[in-house]
Amino acid sequence: MRSFVFCFQMCSRTLVISLALIIALVPLSTVALPHHTIAKRSSFFDIECKGQFNKQIFYRLDRICEDCYSLFQEPQILSFCKKQCFTTDYFKGCIDALQRTDEIENYKHLIKVLNGADPHVEGCFGTDYFLACVEALFLEEEKEKFMKWREMLGKK
């Protein structure tokens, strides 16, 4: 009988500790989950971003569009602002409306990371991104040759 009581006390103690841990950890797990979801990540591709997915940068630019929506309460603003990886006139208009024009150069840099190139710069060979790739691949010796090819292709 003593062994039964002892076993019951041990099992109930273990059960109580387990329940206490579960009750404590369940709310933490919902808070600790990252705020970017598959839906948010897929929206990165849906808005035609071709660069590196960086959730901090994405959310910073996305926040501008969210704030712009809050200001004007127009549902289309969200999609127009984010369109073409934050490179449309709507995004620029939101920056103006939110009075953040002093940060425009910083936003251009952030867009460049997400977009893979400078906003509104056409042509692969004419971008700083191409030159950075040449440097990263240790192709400095051939850089002159690449520049000649670029001129021959007419892609400045």
C-alpha atoms as a PDB file:
ATOM      1  CA  MET A   1       0.000   0.000   0.000  1.00  0.00           C
ATOM      2  CA  ARG A   2       2.836   2.375   0.798  1.00  0.00           C
ATOM      3  CA  SER A   3       4.391   1.773  -2.565  1.00  0.00           C
ATOM      4  CA  PHE A   4       1.085   2.612  -4.228  1.00  0.00           C
ATOM      5  CA  VAL A   5       0.783   5.888  -2.286  1.00  0.00           C
ATOM      6  CA  PHE A   6       4.430   6.730  -3.002  1.00  0.00           C
ATOM      7  CA  CYS A   7       3.969   5.980  -6.713  1.00  0.00           C
ATOM      8  CA  PHE A   8       0.775   8.057  -6.787  1.00  0.00           C
ATOM      9  CA  GLN A   9       2.520  10.998  -5.117  1.00  0.00           C
ATOM     10  CA  MET A  10       5.464  10.812  -7.557  1.00  0.00           C
ATOM     11  CA  CYS A  11       3.178  10.531 -10.566  1.00  0.00           C
ATOM     12  CA  SER A  12       0.983  13.390  -9.410  1.00  0.00           C
ATOM     13  CA  ARG A  13       4.049  15.547  -8.701  1.00  0.00           C
ATOM     14  CA  THR A  14       5.414  14.817 -12.187  1.00  0.00           C
ATOM     15  CA  LEU A  15       2.011  15.515 -13.680  1.00  0.00           C
ATOM     16  CA  VAL A  16       1.707  18.842 -11.843  1.00  0.00           C
ATOM     17  CA  ILE A  17       5.211  19.911 -12.933  1.00  0.00           C
ATOM     18  CA  SER A  18       4.467  18.904 -16.531  1.00  0.00           C
ATOM     19  CA  LEU A  19       1.206  20.829 -16.569  1.00  0.00           C
ATOM     20  CA  ALA A  20       2.872  23.885 -15.037  1.00  0.00           C
ATOM     21  CA  LEU A  21       5.580  23.800 -17.721  1.00  0.00           C
ATOM     22  CA  ILE A  22       3.020  23.426 -20.484  1.00  0.00           C
ATOM     23  CA  ILE A  23       0.948  26.307 -19.125  1.00  0.00           C
ATOM     24  CA  ALA A  24       4.069  28.479 -18.896  1.00  0.00           C
ATOM     25  CA  LEU A  25       5.545  27.553 -22.281  1.00  0.00           C
ATOM     26  CA  VAL A  26       2.475  27.680 -24.531  1.00  0.00           C
ATOM     27  CA  PRO A  27       2.101  31.487 -24.299  1.00  0.00           C
ATOM     28  CA  LEU A  28       5.854  31.880 -24.789  1.00  0.00           C
ATOM     29  CA  SER A  29       5.815  29.802 -27.947  1.00  0.00           C
ATOM     30  CA  THR A  30       3.219  32.044 -29.550  1.00  0.00           C
ATOM     31  CA  VAL A  31       5.259  35.135 -28.671  1.00  0.00           C
ATOM     32  CA  ALA A  32       8.563  33.583 -29.722  1.00  0.00           C
ATOM     33  CA  LEU A  33       7.332  32.533 -33.140  1.00  0.00           C
ATOM     34  CA  PRO A  34       8.794  34.702 -35.888  1.00  0.00           C
ATOM     35  CA  HIS A  35       6.346  37.205 -37.284  1.00  0.00           C
ATOM     36  CA  HIS A  36       7.167  36.401 -40.874  1.00  0.00           C
ATOM     37  CA  THR A  37       5.087  33.580 -42.186  1.00  0.00           C
ATOM     38  CA  ILE A  38       5.136  31.649 -45.401  1.00  0.00           C
ATOM     39  CA  ALA A  39       2.493  34.081 -46.628  1.00  0.00           C
ATOM     40  CA  LYS A  40       4.759  37.060 -45.892  1.00  0.00           C
ATOM     41  CA  ARG A  41       7.733  35.352 -47.507  1.00  0.00           C
ATOM     42  CA  SER A  42       5.689  34.462 -50.563  1.00  0.00           C
ATOM     43  CA  SER A  43       4.551  38.079 -50.802  1.00  0.00           C
ATOM     44  CA  PHE A  44       8.243  38.932 -51.160  1.00  0.00           C
ATOM     45  CA  PHE A  45       8.224  36.969 -54.411  1.00  0.00           C
ATOM     46  CA  ASP A  46       4.713  38.072 -55.364  1.00  0.00           C
ATOM     47  CA  ILE A  47       5.816  41.703 -55.477  1.00  0.00           C
ATOM     48  CA  GLU A  48       8.635  40.742 -57.860  1.00  0.00           C
ATOM     49  CA  CYS A  49      11.613  41.097 -55.541  1.00  0.00           C
ATOM     50  CA  LYS A  50      14.559  39.300 -57.092  1.00  0.00           C
ATOM     51  CA  GLY A  51      17.241  39.970 -54.524  1.00  0.00           C
ATOM     52  CA  GLN A  52      17.985  38.661 -51.087  1.00  0.00           C
ATOM     53  CA  PHE A  53      15.111  38.014 -48.675  1.00  0.00           C
ATOM     54  CA  ASN A  54      15.917  39.921 -45.503  1.00  0.00           C
ATOM     55  CA  LYS A  55      12.956  39.985 -43.158  1.00  0.00           C
ATOM     56  CA  GLN A  56      14.091  43.092 -41.270  1.00  0.00           C
ATOM     57  CA  ILE A  57      14.496  45.108 -44.444  1.00  0.00           C
ATOM     58  CA  PHE A  58      11.296  43.718 -45.923  1.00  0.00           C
ATOM     59  CA  TYR A  59       9.286  44.602 -42.826  1.00  0.00           C
ATOM     60  CA  ARG A  60      10.803  48.069 -42.641  1.00  0.00           C
ATOM     61  CA  LEU A  61       9.712  48.870 -46.195  1.00  0.00           C
ATOM     62  CA  ASP A  62       6.434  47.018 -45.734  1.00  0.00           C
ATOM     63  CA  ARG A  63       5.761  49.159 -42.661  1.00  0.00           C
ATOM     64  CA  ILE A  64       5.893  52.296 -44.810  1.00  0.00           C
ATOM     65  CA  CYS A  65       3.135  50.865 -46.982  1.00  0.00           C
ATOM     66  CA  GLU A  66       1.138  49.828 -43.895  1.00  0.00           C
ATOM     67  CA  ASP A  67       1.477  53.333 -42.425  1.00  0.00           C
ATOM     68  CA  CYS A  68       0.455  54.839 -45.750  1.00  0.00           C
ATOM     69  CA  TYR A  69      -2.621  52.605 -45.802  1.00  0.00           C
ATOM     70  CA  SER A  70      -3.459  53.697 -42.244  1.00  0.00           C
ATOM     71  CA  LEU A  71      -3.160  57.315 -43.316  1.00  0.00           C
ATOM     72  CA  PHE A  72      -5.359  57.115 -46.433  1.00  0.00           C
ATOM     73  CA  GLN A  73      -7.513  54.030 -45.689  1.00  0.00           C
ATOM     74  CA  GLU A  74      -7.426  52.962 -49.352  1.00  0.00           C
ATOM     75  CA  PRO A  75      -7.038  49.176 -49.799  1.00  0.00           C
ATOM     76  CA  GLN A  76      -5.276  49.526 -53.167  1.00  0.00           C
ATOM     77  CA  ILE A  77      -2.477  51.547 -51.606  1.00  0.00           C
ATOM     78  CA  LEU A  78      -1.034  48.444 -49.962  1.00  0.00           C
ATOM     79  CA  SER A  79      -0.632  46.534 -53.206  1.00  0.00           C
ATOM     80  CA  PHE A  80       0.383  49.553 -55.307  1.00  0.00           C
ATOM     81  CA  CYS A  81       2.957  50.664 -52.728  1.00  0.00           C
ATOM     82  CA  LYS A  82       4.611  47.222 -52.587  1.00  0.00           C
ATOM     83  CA  LYS A  83       4.359  46.547 -56.316  1.00  0.00           C
ATOM     84  CA  GLN A  84       7.583  45.886 -58.224  1.00  0.00           C
ATOM     85  CA  CYS A  85       9.487  45.467 -54.977  1.00  0.00           C
ATOM     86  CA  PHE A  86       8.758  48.940 -53.599  1.00  0.00           C
ATOM     87  CA  THR A  87       9.952  50.757 -56.749  1.00  0.00           C
ATOM     88  CA  THR A  88       6.731  52.407 -57.917  1.00  0.00           C
ATOM     89  CA  ASP A  89       5.725  56.040 -57.649  1.00  0.00           C
ATOM     90  CA  TYR A  90       3.176  54.960 -55.042  1.00  0.00           C
ATOM     91  CA  PHE A  91       5.978  53.970 -52.670  1.00  0.00           C
ATOM     92  CA  LYS A  92       7.676  57.316 -53.270  1.00  0.00           C
ATOM     93  CA  GLY A  93       4.343  59.040 -52.706  1.00  0.00           C
ATOM     94  CA  CYS A  94       3.948  57.219 -49.407  1.00  0.00           C
ATOM     95  CA  ILE A  95       7.399  58.364 -48.320  1.00  0.00           C
ATOM     96  CA  ASP A  96       6.364  61.929 -49.157  1.00  0.00           C
ATOM     97  CA  ALA A  97       2.999  61.621 -47.417  1.00  0.00           C
ATOM     98  CA  LEU A  98       4.613  60.181 -44.294  1.00  0.00           C
ATOM     99  CA  GLN A  99       7.218  62.965 -44.392  1.00  0.00           C
ATOM    100  CA  ARG A 100      10.181  60.607 -44.510  1.00  0.00           C
ATOM    101  CA  THR A 101      11.940  62.108 -47.524  1.00  0.00           C
ATOM    102  CA  ASP A 102      15.081  62.695 -45.481  1.00  0.00           C
ATOM    103  CA  GLU A 103      15.550  58.903 -45.407  1.00  0.00           C
ATOM    104  CA  ILE A 104      15.141  58.360 -49.165  1.00  0.00           C
ATOM    105  CA  GLU A 105      18.769  57.354 -49.773  1.00  0.00           C
ATOM    106  CA  ASN A 106      18.561  54.764 -47.023  1.00  0.00           C
ATOM    107  CA  TYR A 107      15.334  53.383 -48.518  1.00  0.00           C
ATOM    108  CA  LYS A 108      17.005  53.136 -51.924  1.00  0.00           C
ATOM    109  CA  HIS A 109      19.764  51.048 -50.381  1.00  0.00           C
ATOM    110  CA  LEU A 110      17.228  48.771 -48.669  1.00  0.00           C
ATOM    111  CA  ILE A 111      15.285  48.355 -51.908  1.00  0.00           C
ATOM    112  CA  LYS A 112      18.527  47.501 -53.672  1.00  0.00           C
ATOM    113  CA  VAL A 113      19.091  44.611 -51.255  1.00  0.00           C
ATOM    114  CA  LEU A 114      15.590  43.217 -51.779  1.00  0.00           C
ATOM    115  CA  ASN A 115      15.435  43.950 -55.479  1.00  0.00           C
ATOM    116  CA  GLY A 116      18.946  42.806 -56.336  1.00  0.00           C
ATOM    117  CA  ALA A 117      19.719  46.083 -58.136  1.00  0.00           C
ATOM    118  CA  ASP A 118      19.212  49.818 -57.880  1.00  0.00           C
ATOM    119  CA  PRO A 119      15.599  50.878 -58.288  1.00  0.00           C
ATOM    120  CA  HIS A 120      14.817  51.817 -61.889  1.00  0.00           C
ATOM    121  CA  VAL A 121      18.224  50.732 -63.206  1.00  0.00           C
ATOM    122  CA  GLU A 122      17.847  48.578 -66.258  1.00  0.00           C
ATOM    123  CA  GLY A 123      20.350  46.115 -67.586  1.00  0.00           C
ATOM    124  CA  CYS A 124      22.405  43.599 -65.701  1.00  0.00           C
ATOM    125  CA  PHE A 125      25.790  44.830 -66.832  1.00  0.00           C
ATOM    126  CA  GLY A 126      25.216  48.472 -66.001  1.00  0.00           C
ATOM    127  CA  THR A 127      24.612  47.977 -62.310  1.00  0.00           C
ATOM    128  CA  ASP A 128      26.844  48.188 -59.291  1.00  0.00           C
ATOM    129  CA  TYR A 129      25.551  44.707 -58.543  1.00  0.00           C
ATOM    130  CA  PHE A 130      27.395  43.353 -61.587  1.00  0.00           C
ATOM    131  CA  LEU A 131      30.625  45.074 -60.574  1.00  0.00           C
ATOM    132  CA  ALA A 132      30.257  43.773 -57.019  1.00  0.00           C
ATOM    133  CA  CYS A 133      29.891  40.254 -58.402  1.00  0.00           C
ATOM    134  CA  VAL A 134      33.064  40.699 -60.431  1.00  0.00           C
ATOM    135  CA  GLU A 135      34.894  41.736 -57.262  1.00  0.00           C
ATOM    136  CA  ALA A 136      33.347  38.995 -55.127  1.00  0.00           C
ATOM    137  CA  LEU A 137      34.362  36.335 -57.626  1.00  0.00           C
ATOM    138  CA  PHE A 138      37.937  37.664 -57.650  1.00  0.00           C
ATOM    139  CA  LEU A 139      37.739  38.507 -61.337  1.00  0.00           C
ATOM    140  CA  GLU A 140      39.481  41.879 -61.047  1.00  0.00           C
ATOM    141  CA  GLU A 141      42.033  40.867 -63.698  1.00  0.00           C
ATOM    142  CA  GLU A 142      39.234  40.295 -66.197  1.00  0.00           C
ATOM    143  CA  LYS A 143      37.260  43.392 -65.184  1.00  0.00           C
ATOM    144  CA  GLU A 144      38.644  45.391 -68.103  1.00  0.00           C
ATOM    145  CA  LYS A 145      37.662  42.630 -70.511  1.00  0.00           C
ATOM    146  CA  PHE A 146      34.130  42.554 -69.052  1.00  0.00           C
ATOM    147  CA  MET A 147      33.826  46.306 -69.471  1.00  0.00           C
ATOM    148  CA  LYS A 148      34.809  46.013 -73.144  1.00  0.00           C
ATOM    149  CA  TRP A 149      32.212  43.286 -73.633  1.00  0.00           C
ATOM    150  CA  ARG A 150      29.664  45.485 -71.921  1.00  0.00           C
ATOM    151  CA  GLU A 151      30.427  48.315 -74.345  1.00  0.00           C
ATOM    152  CA  MET A 152      30.224  45.944 -77.316  1.00  0.00           C
ATOM    153  CA  LEU A 153      26.826  44.737 -76.135  1.00  0.00           C
ATOM    154  CA  GLY A 154      25.679  48.325 -75.732  1.00  0.00           C
ATOM    155  CA  LYS A 155      24.547  47.717 -72.155  1.00  0.00           C
ATOM    156  CA  LYS A 156      25.865  50.679 -70.215  1.00  0.00           C
END
